[in-house]
């Protein structure tokens, strides 16, 4: 079992906050956020951790010594999409957590499962479209689509079994080259396109303890949540 953490992005929507520091290395509740994520993985027995870097890549170097993680540099982070970043770790993909580095967990919500899962949480009310999840009576995800409804949404953590990962890798390898330069295409799009082929279940998480940092409002929100705990 391992983890793939995607940390190559620019974080440009945070503007001046990320000029000198990658957003995953910001302190949330007095702890460097990415360090907290690594420690939570270690706590459930996941020590094989691969981090895809890009923007401010040198800032991550200290993590190799501190946590014995593997760093994989994406030197095309500013021209290609995060599907390309994910592909750099395909050799490690299988029985893997896949985590966006801008996810904040104020408590350890990670769990070991024997099926592929997407973690979801009830979205905050706003006008932004997020990936909204629909499940059947067996908790299998049947649909994921953009919406601004006040419903459970993906928030950047998933887990895929070895067998499901094999199918996903085959699909990715069949994609045309131009797919990796489409800024509107994410690695999640591949998973979503395969919902009829692989069983992905939902793990619902209390939104008091999680957030995904895209902009300053998200940063404000998670700091307010941290103070409330």
C-alpha atoms as a PDB file:
ATOM      1  CA  UNK A   1       0.000   0.000   0.000  1.00  0.00           C
ATOM      2  CA  UNK A   2       1.248   3.468  -0.848  1.00  0.00           C
ATOM      3  CA  UNK A   3       0.214   7.059  -1.444  1.00  0.00           C
ATOM      4  CA  UNK A   4       0.558   9.435  -4.372  1.00  0.00           C
ATOM      5  CA  UNK A   5       0.333  13.104  -3.434  1.00  0.00           C
ATOM      6  CA  UNK A   6      -0.036  15.671  -6.215  1.00  0.00           C
ATOM      7  CA  UNK A   7       1.773  18.892  -5.311  1.00  0.00           C
ATOM      8  CA  UNK A   8       2.907  20.333  -8.637  1.00  0.00           C
ATOM      9  CA  UNK A   9       0.366  23.122  -9.106  1.00  0.00           C
ATOM     10  CA  UNK A  10       0.966  26.861  -8.956  1.00  0.00           C
ATOM     11  CA  UNK A  11      -1.817  27.736  -6.518  1.00  0.00           C
ATOM     12  CA  UNK A  12      -2.283  30.988  -8.404  1.00  0.00           C
ATOM     13  CA  UNK A  13      -5.738  31.716  -6.986  1.00  0.00           C
ATOM     14  CA  UNK A  14      -4.104  32.372  -3.614  1.00  0.00           C
ATOM     15  CA  UNK A  15      -2.205  35.205  -5.320  1.00  0.00           C
ATOM     16  CA  UNK A  16       0.531  36.786  -3.171  1.00  0.00           C
ATOM     17  CA  UNK A  17       0.278  34.046  -0.524  1.00  0.00           C
ATOM     18  CA  UNK A  18       1.923  31.500  -2.820  1.00  0.00           C
ATOM     19  CA  UNK A  19       4.509  33.755  -4.462  1.00  0.00           C
ATOM     20  CA  UNK A  20       7.215  32.530  -2.087  1.00  0.00           C
ATOM     21  CA  UNK A  21       5.709  29.315  -0.721  1.00  0.00           C
ATOM     22  CA  UNK A  22       3.815  26.369  -2.186  1.00  0.00           C
ATOM     23  CA  UNK A  23       0.285  26.279  -0.801  1.00  0.00           C
ATOM     24  CA  UNK A  24       0.646  22.728   0.504  1.00  0.00           C
ATOM     25  CA  UNK A  25       3.483  23.943   2.756  1.00  0.00           C
ATOM     26  CA  UNK A  26       1.401  26.668   4.382  1.00  0.00           C
ATOM     27  CA  UNK A  27       0.798  26.293   8.093  1.00  0.00           C
ATOM     28  CA  UNK A  28      -2.757  25.414   9.102  1.00  0.00           C
ATOM     29  CA  UNK A  29      -3.464  25.257  12.833  1.00  0.00           C
ATOM     30  CA  UNK A  30       0.262  25.688  13.546  1.00  0.00           C
ATOM     31  CA  UNK A  31       1.321  22.689  11.417  1.00  0.00           C
ATOM     32  CA  UNK A  32       2.674  22.546   7.883  1.00  0.00           C
ATOM     33  CA  UNK A  33      -0.289  21.090   6.045  1.00  0.00           C
ATOM     34  CA  UNK A  34       1.563  18.563   3.877  1.00  0.00           C
ATOM     35  CA  UNK A  35       3.504  17.318   6.902  1.00  0.00           C
ATOM     36  CA  UNK A  36       0.204  16.688   8.679  1.00  0.00           C
ATOM     37  CA  UNK A  37      -1.053  14.673   5.708  1.00  0.00           C
ATOM     38  CA  UNK A  38       2.124  12.573   5.636  1.00  0.00           C
ATOM     39  CA  UNK A  39       1.871  11.930   9.378  1.00  0.00           C
ATOM     40  CA  UNK A  40      -1.770  10.842   9.031  1.00  0.00           C
ATOM     41  CA  UNK A  41      -0.731   8.384   6.317  1.00  0.00           C
ATOM     42  CA  UNK A  42       2.057   7.062   8.535  1.00  0.00           C
ATOM     43  CA  UNK A  43      -0.432   6.653  11.394  1.00  0.00           C
ATOM     44  CA  UNK A  44      -2.495   4.160   9.360  1.00  0.00           C
ATOM     45  CA  UNK A  45       0.599   2.278   8.221  1.00  0.00           C
ATOM     46  CA  UNK A  46       1.233   3.951   4.857  1.00  0.00           C
ATOM     47  CA  UNK A  47       4.932   4.807   4.714  1.00  0.00           C
ATOM     48  CA  UNK A  48       5.579   4.461   0.973  1.00  0.00           C
ATOM     49  CA  UNK A  49       4.713   7.997  -0.120  1.00  0.00           C
ATOM     50  CA  UNK A  50       5.363   9.522  -3.548  1.00  0.00           C
ATOM     51  CA  UNK A  51       4.992  13.280  -3.979  1.00  0.00           C
ATOM     52  CA  UNK A  52       4.737  14.859  -7.429  1.00  0.00           C
ATOM     53  CA  UNK A  53       6.327  18.304  -7.296  1.00  0.00           C
ATOM     54  CA  UNK A  54       6.540  21.143  -9.797  1.00  0.00           C
ATOM     55  CA  UNK A  55       6.146  24.730  -8.620  1.00  0.00           C
ATOM     56  CA  UNK A  56       8.644  25.547  -5.832  1.00  0.00           C
ATOM     57  CA  UNK A  57       9.971  21.984  -6.094  1.00  0.00           C
ATOM     58  CA  UNK A  58      13.115  22.704  -4.080  1.00  0.00           C
ATOM     59  CA  UNK A  59      10.982  23.611  -1.055  1.00  0.00           C
ATOM     60  CA  UNK A  60       9.954  19.960  -0.746  1.00  0.00           C
ATOM     61  CA  UNK A  61      13.480  18.550  -0.549  1.00  0.00           C
ATOM     62  CA  UNK A  62      13.601  18.550   3.257  1.00  0.00           C
ATOM     63  CA  UNK A  63      10.704  16.071   3.315  1.00  0.00           C
ATOM     64  CA  UNK A  64      12.961  13.320   1.937  1.00  0.00           C
ATOM     65  CA  UNK A  65      15.082  13.332   5.064  1.00  0.00           C
ATOM     66  CA  UNK A  66      12.302  14.110   7.525  1.00  0.00           C
ATOM     67  CA  UNK A  67       9.777  11.522   6.283  1.00  0.00           C
ATOM     68  CA  UNK A  68      11.705   9.348   3.801  1.00  0.00           C
ATOM     69  CA  UNK A  69       9.308  10.227   0.976  1.00  0.00           C
ATOM     70  CA  UNK A  70       9.984   9.869  -2.740  1.00  0.00           C
ATOM     71  CA  UNK A  71       9.881  13.105  -4.747  1.00  0.00           C
ATOM     72  CA  UNK A  72       9.034  13.018  -8.457  1.00  0.00           C
ATOM     73  CA  UNK A  73       9.532  16.295 -10.304  1.00  0.00           C
ATOM     74  CA  UNK A  74       7.150  17.427 -13.034  1.00  0.00           C
ATOM     75  CA  UNK A  75       9.174  19.887 -15.092  1.00  0.00           C
ATOM     76  CA  UNK A  76       6.116  20.619 -17.257  1.00  0.00           C
ATOM     77  CA  UNK A  77       3.887  21.688 -14.361  1.00  0.00           C
ATOM     78  CA  UNK A  78       3.190  25.090 -15.906  1.00  0.00           C
ATOM     79  CA  UNK A  79       2.237  23.817 -19.371  1.00  0.00           C
ATOM     80  CA  UNK A  80       0.571  20.411 -18.882  1.00  0.00           C
ATOM     81  CA  UNK A  81      -2.299  19.354 -16.627  1.00  0.00           C
ATOM     82  CA  UNK A  82      -2.493  17.340 -13.422  1.00  0.00           C
ATOM     83  CA  UNK A  83      -3.323  14.197 -15.384  1.00  0.00           C
ATOM     84  CA  UNK A  84       0.240  14.424 -16.689  1.00  0.00           C
ATOM     85  CA  UNK A  85       1.494  14.847 -13.112  1.00  0.00           C
ATOM     86  CA  UNK A  86      -0.424  11.755 -12.068  1.00  0.00           C
ATOM     87  CA  UNK A  87       1.064   9.771 -14.956  1.00  0.00           C
ATOM     88  CA  UNK A  88       4.554  10.380 -13.592  1.00  0.00           C
ATOM     89  CA  UNK A  89       3.608   8.109 -10.680  1.00  0.00           C
ATOM     90  CA  UNK A  90       1.817   5.395 -12.665  1.00  0.00           C
ATOM     91  CA  UNK A  91       4.540   2.856 -11.845  1.00  0.00           C
ATOM     92  CA  UNK A  92       3.555   3.185  -8.181  1.00  0.00           C
ATOM     93  CA  UNK A  93      -0.223   3.235  -8.727  1.00  0.00           C
ATOM     94  CA  UNK A  94      -2.015   0.248  -7.215  1.00  0.00           C
ATOM     95  CA  UNK A  95      -3.424  -0.166  -3.689  1.00  0.00           C
ATOM     96  CA  UNK A  96      -2.819   3.579  -3.549  1.00  0.00           C
ATOM     97  CA  UNK A  97      -4.223   6.626  -1.862  1.00  0.00           C
ATOM     98  CA  UNK A  98      -4.320   9.519  -4.334  1.00  0.00           C
ATOM     99  CA  UNK A  99      -4.329  12.851  -2.515  1.00  0.00           C
ATOM    100  CA  UNK A 100      -4.318  16.433  -3.720  1.00  0.00           C
ATOM    101  CA  UNK A 101      -1.713  18.287  -1.675  1.00  0.00           C
ATOM    102  CA  UNK A 102      -4.069  21.192  -0.992  1.00  0.00           C
ATOM    103  CA  UNK A 103      -6.442  18.982   1.005  1.00  0.00           C
ATOM    104  CA  UNK A 104      -6.524  19.874   4.699  1.00  0.00           C
ATOM    105  CA  UNK A 105      -7.494  17.288   7.323  1.00  0.00           C
ATOM    106  CA  UNK A 106      -7.858  18.614  10.857  1.00  0.00           C
ATOM    107  CA  UNK A 107      -8.250  15.034  12.109  1.00  0.00           C
ATOM    108  CA  UNK A 108      -7.203  11.746  10.569  1.00  0.00           C
ATOM    109  CA  UNK A 109     -10.142  10.618   8.459  1.00  0.00           C
ATOM    110  CA  UNK A 110      -8.110   8.134   6.373  1.00  0.00           C
ATOM    111  CA  UNK A 111      -9.112   4.488   6.571  1.00  0.00           C
ATOM    112  CA  UNK A 112      -7.957   1.197   5.096  1.00  0.00           C
ATOM    113  CA  UNK A 113     -10.537  -0.336   2.737  1.00  0.00           C
ATOM    114  CA  UNK A 114     -10.639  -3.392   0.497  1.00  0.00           C
ATOM    115  CA  UNK A 115     -12.491  -1.535  -2.272  1.00  0.00           C
ATOM    116  CA  UNK A 116     -11.746   1.576  -4.291  1.00  0.00           C
ATOM    117  CA  UNK A 117     -13.257   4.669  -2.685  1.00  0.00           C
ATOM    118  CA  UNK A 118     -13.707   8.389  -3.125  1.00  0.00           C
ATOM    119  CA  UNK A 119     -13.831  10.574  -0.034  1.00  0.00           C
ATOM    120  CA  UNK A 120     -16.638  13.136  -0.067  1.00  0.00           C
ATOM    121  CA  UNK A 121     -17.922  15.876   2.182  1.00  0.00           C
ATOM    122  CA  UNK A 122     -20.961  18.147   2.170  1.00  0.00           C
ATOM    123  CA  UNK A 123     -19.974  21.200   0.155  1.00  0.00           C
ATOM    124  CA  UNK A 124     -20.337  24.731   1.451  1.00  0.00           C
ATOM    125  CA  UNK A 125     -23.084  26.799  -0.118  1.00  0.00           C
ATOM    126  CA  UNK A 126     -21.685  28.974  -2.914  1.00  0.00           C
ATOM    127  CA  UNK A 127     -21.988  29.514  -6.646  1.00  0.00           C
ATOM    128  CA  UNK A 128     -18.956  27.431  -7.641  1.00  0.00           C
ATOM    129  CA  UNK A 129     -19.417  24.114  -9.416  1.00  0.00           C
ATOM    130  CA  UNK A 130     -17.885  21.118  -7.641  1.00  0.00           C
ATOM    131  CA  UNK A 131     -17.810  17.386  -8.384  1.00  0.00           C
ATOM    132  CA  UNK A 132     -21.145  16.193  -6.927  1.00  0.00           C
ATOM    133  CA  UNK A 133     -21.587  12.487  -6.163  1.00  0.00           C
ATOM    134  CA  UNK A 134     -24.610  10.209  -6.625  1.00  0.00           C
ATOM    135  CA  UNK A 135     -24.634   6.710  -5.068  1.00  0.00           C
ATOM    136  CA  UNK A 136     -26.877   3.664  -5.291  1.00  0.00           C
ATOM    137  CA  UNK A 137     -28.318   1.756  -2.321  1.00  0.00           C
ATOM    138  CA  UNK A 138     -25.039  -0.155  -1.904  1.00  0.00           C
ATOM    139  CA  UNK A 139     -23.012   3.059  -1.589  1.00  0.00           C
ATOM    140  CA  UNK A 140     -21.497   2.556  -5.031  1.00  0.00           C
ATOM    141  CA  UNK A 141     -20.854   5.819  -6.842  1.00  0.00           C
ATOM    142  CA  UNK A 142     -22.943   5.842 -10.018  1.00  0.00           C
ATOM    143  CA  UNK A 143     -22.471   9.421 -11.164  1.00  0.00           C
ATOM    144  CA  UNK A 144     -20.064  12.306 -10.605  1.00  0.00           C
ATOM    145  CA  UNK A 145     -20.925  15.596 -12.272  1.00  0.00           C
ATOM    146  CA  UNK A 146     -20.239  19.320 -11.837  1.00  0.00           C
ATOM    147  CA  UNK A 147     -22.941  21.143  -9.871  1.00  0.00           C
ATOM    148  CA  UNK A 148     -23.407  23.932  -7.329  1.00  0.00           C
ATOM    149  CA  UNK A 149     -26.063  22.028  -5.375  1.00  0.00           C
ATOM    150  CA  UNK A 150     -25.609  21.644  -1.632  1.00  0.00           C
ATOM    151  CA  UNK A 151     -24.717  17.961  -1.858  1.00  0.00           C
ATOM    152  CA  UNK A 152     -21.692  15.730  -1.094  1.00  0.00           C
ATOM    153  CA  UNK A 153     -18.695  16.572  -3.257  1.00  0.00           C
ATOM    154  CA  UNK A 154     -15.259  15.109  -3.940  1.00  0.00           C
ATOM    155  CA  UNK A 155     -12.505  16.841  -2.011  1.00  0.00           C
ATOM    156  CA  UNK A 156      -9.259  15.396  -3.243  1.00  0.00           C
ATOM    157  CA  UNK A 157      -8.743  12.019  -1.558  1.00  0.00           C
ATOM    158  CA  UNK A 158      -9.332   8.639  -3.162  1.00  0.00           C
ATOM    159  CA  UNK A 159      -8.061   5.076  -2.868  1.00  0.00           C
ATOM    160  CA  UNK A 160      -7.757   2.503  -5.648  1.00  0.00           C
ATOM    161  CA  UNK A 161      -7.121  -1.215  -5.424  1.00  0.00           C
ATOM    162  CA  UNK A 162      -4.434  -2.903  -7.482  1.00  0.00           C
ATOM    163  CA  UNK A 163      -6.941  -4.507  -9.872  1.00  0.00           C
ATOM    164  CA  UNK A 164      -8.827  -1.265 -10.480  1.00  0.00           C
ATOM    165  CA  UNK A 165      -5.545   0.580 -10.950  1.00  0.00           C
ATOM    166  CA  UNK A 166      -4.596  -1.817 -13.759  1.00  0.00           C
ATOM    167  CA  UNK A 167      -7.766  -0.880 -15.652  1.00  0.00           C
ATOM    168  CA  UNK A 168      -7.231   2.829 -15.024  1.00  0.00           C
ATOM    169  CA  UNK A 169      -3.640   2.659 -16.262  1.00  0.00           C
ATOM    170  CA  UNK A 170      -4.773   0.936 -19.444  1.00  0.00           C
ATOM    171  CA  UNK A 171      -7.307   3.707 -20.044  1.00  0.00           C
ATOM    172  CA  UNK A 172      -4.753   6.459 -19.437  1.00  0.00           C
ATOM    173  CA  UNK A 173      -2.227   4.861 -21.784  1.00  0.00           C
ATOM    174  CA  UNK A 174      -4.854   4.839 -24.535  1.00  0.00           C
ATOM    175  CA  UNK A 175      -5.428   8.613 -24.331  1.00  0.00           C
ATOM    176  CA  UNK A 176      -4.185  10.850 -27.154  1.00  0.00           C
ATOM    177  CA  UNK A 177      -1.156  13.035 -26.471  1.00  0.00           C
ATOM    178  CA  UNK A 178      -3.206  16.238 -26.577  1.00  0.00           C
ATOM    179  CA  UNK A 179      -5.232  15.093 -23.552  1.00  0.00           C
ATOM    180  CA  UNK A 180      -2.313  16.006 -21.308  1.00  0.00           C
ATOM    181  CA  UNK A 181      -2.236  19.621 -22.449  1.00  0.00           C
ATOM    182  CA  UNK A 182      -5.973  20.196 -21.946  1.00  0.00           C
ATOM    183  CA  UNK A 183      -6.137  22.421 -18.862  1.00  0.00           C
ATOM    184  CA  UNK A 184      -9.792  21.459 -18.337  1.00  0.00           C
ATOM    185  CA  UNK A 185      -8.922  17.778 -18.017  1.00  0.00           C
ATOM    186  CA  UNK A 186      -7.966  16.334 -14.620  1.00  0.00           C
ATOM    187  CA  UNK A 187      -6.930  12.869 -13.521  1.00  0.00           C
ATOM    188  CA  UNK A 188     -10.385  12.594 -11.914  1.00  0.00           C
ATOM    189  CA  UNK A 189     -11.955  12.753 -15.375  1.00  0.00           C
ATOM    190  CA  UNK A 190     -10.447   9.367 -16.158  1.00  0.00           C
ATOM    191  CA  UNK A 191     -11.835   7.809 -12.968  1.00  0.00           C
ATOM    192  CA  UNK A 192     -15.255   9.363 -13.600  1.00  0.00           C
ATOM    193  CA  UNK A 193     -15.361   7.944 -17.130  1.00  0.00           C
ATOM    194  CA  UNK A 194     -14.930   4.424 -15.697  1.00  0.00           C
ATOM    195  CA  UNK A 195     -17.714   4.342 -13.086  1.00  0.00           C
ATOM    196  CA  UNK A 196     -19.530   1.602 -15.006  1.00  0.00           C
ATOM    197  CA  UNK A 197     -16.385  -0.521 -15.220  1.00  0.00           C
ATOM    198  CA  UNK A 198     -14.988  -0.333 -11.696  1.00  0.00           C
ATOM    199  CA  UNK A 199     -16.739  -0.234  -8.333  1.00  0.00           C
ATOM    200  CA  UNK A 200     -15.901   2.951  -6.453  1.00  0.00           C
ATOM    201  CA  UNK A 201     -17.649   3.485  -3.133  1.00  0.00           C
ATOM    202  CA  UNK A 202     -18.164   6.656  -1.122  1.00  0.00           C
ATOM    203  CA  UNK A 203     -16.561   7.500   2.221  1.00  0.00           C
ATOM    204  CA  UNK A 204     -18.470  10.480   3.637  1.00  0.00           C
ATOM    205  CA  UNK A 205     -16.479  12.789   5.919  1.00  0.00           C
ATOM    206  CA  UNK A 206     -17.729  15.417   8.363  1.00  0.00           C
ATOM    207  CA  UNK A 207     -17.063  18.795   6.741  1.00  0.00           C
ATOM    208  CA  UNK A 208     -16.026  20.292  10.080  1.00  0.00           C
ATOM    209  CA  UNK A 209     -12.680  18.541   9.717  1.00  0.00           C
ATOM    210  CA  UNK A 210     -11.738  18.913   6.050  1.00  0.00           C
ATOM    211  CA  UNK A 211     -11.300  21.503   3.330  1.00  0.00           C
ATOM    212  CA  UNK A 212      -9.599  21.867  -0.035  1.00  0.00           C
ATOM    213  CA  UNK A 213      -7.670  25.112  -0.400  1.00  0.00           C
ATOM    214  CA  UNK A 214      -8.289  26.702  -3.774  1.00  0.00           C
ATOM    215  CA  UNK A 215      -8.509  30.374  -2.831  1.00  0.00           C
ATOM    216  CA  UNK A 216      -8.335  32.831   0.060  1.00  0.00           C
ATOM    217  CA  UNK A 217     -11.915  32.081   1.119  1.00  0.00           C
ATOM    218  CA  UNK A 218     -11.015  28.408   1.564  1.00  0.00           C
ATOM    219  CA  UNK A 219      -7.981  29.384   3.637  1.00  0.00           C
ATOM    220  CA  UNK A 220     -10.162  31.572   5.841  1.00  0.00           C
ATOM    221  CA  UNK A 221     -12.727  28.779   6.174  1.00  0.00           C
ATOM    222  CA  UNK A 222     -10.273  26.097   7.294  1.00  0.00           C
ATOM    223  CA  UNK A 223      -8.638  28.394   9.830  1.00  0.00           C
ATOM    224  CA  UNK A 224     -12.077  29.135  11.284  1.00  0.00           C
ATOM    225  CA  UNK A 225     -12.780  25.397  11.470  1.00  0.00           C
ATOM    226  CA  UNK A 226      -9.457  24.818  13.224  1.00  0.00           C
ATOM    227  CA  UNK A 227     -10.272  27.422  15.859  1.00  0.00           C
ATOM    228  CA  UNK A 228     -13.685  25.836  16.452  1.00  0.00           C
ATOM    229  CA  UNK A 229     -12.307  22.378  17.241  1.00  0.00           C
END
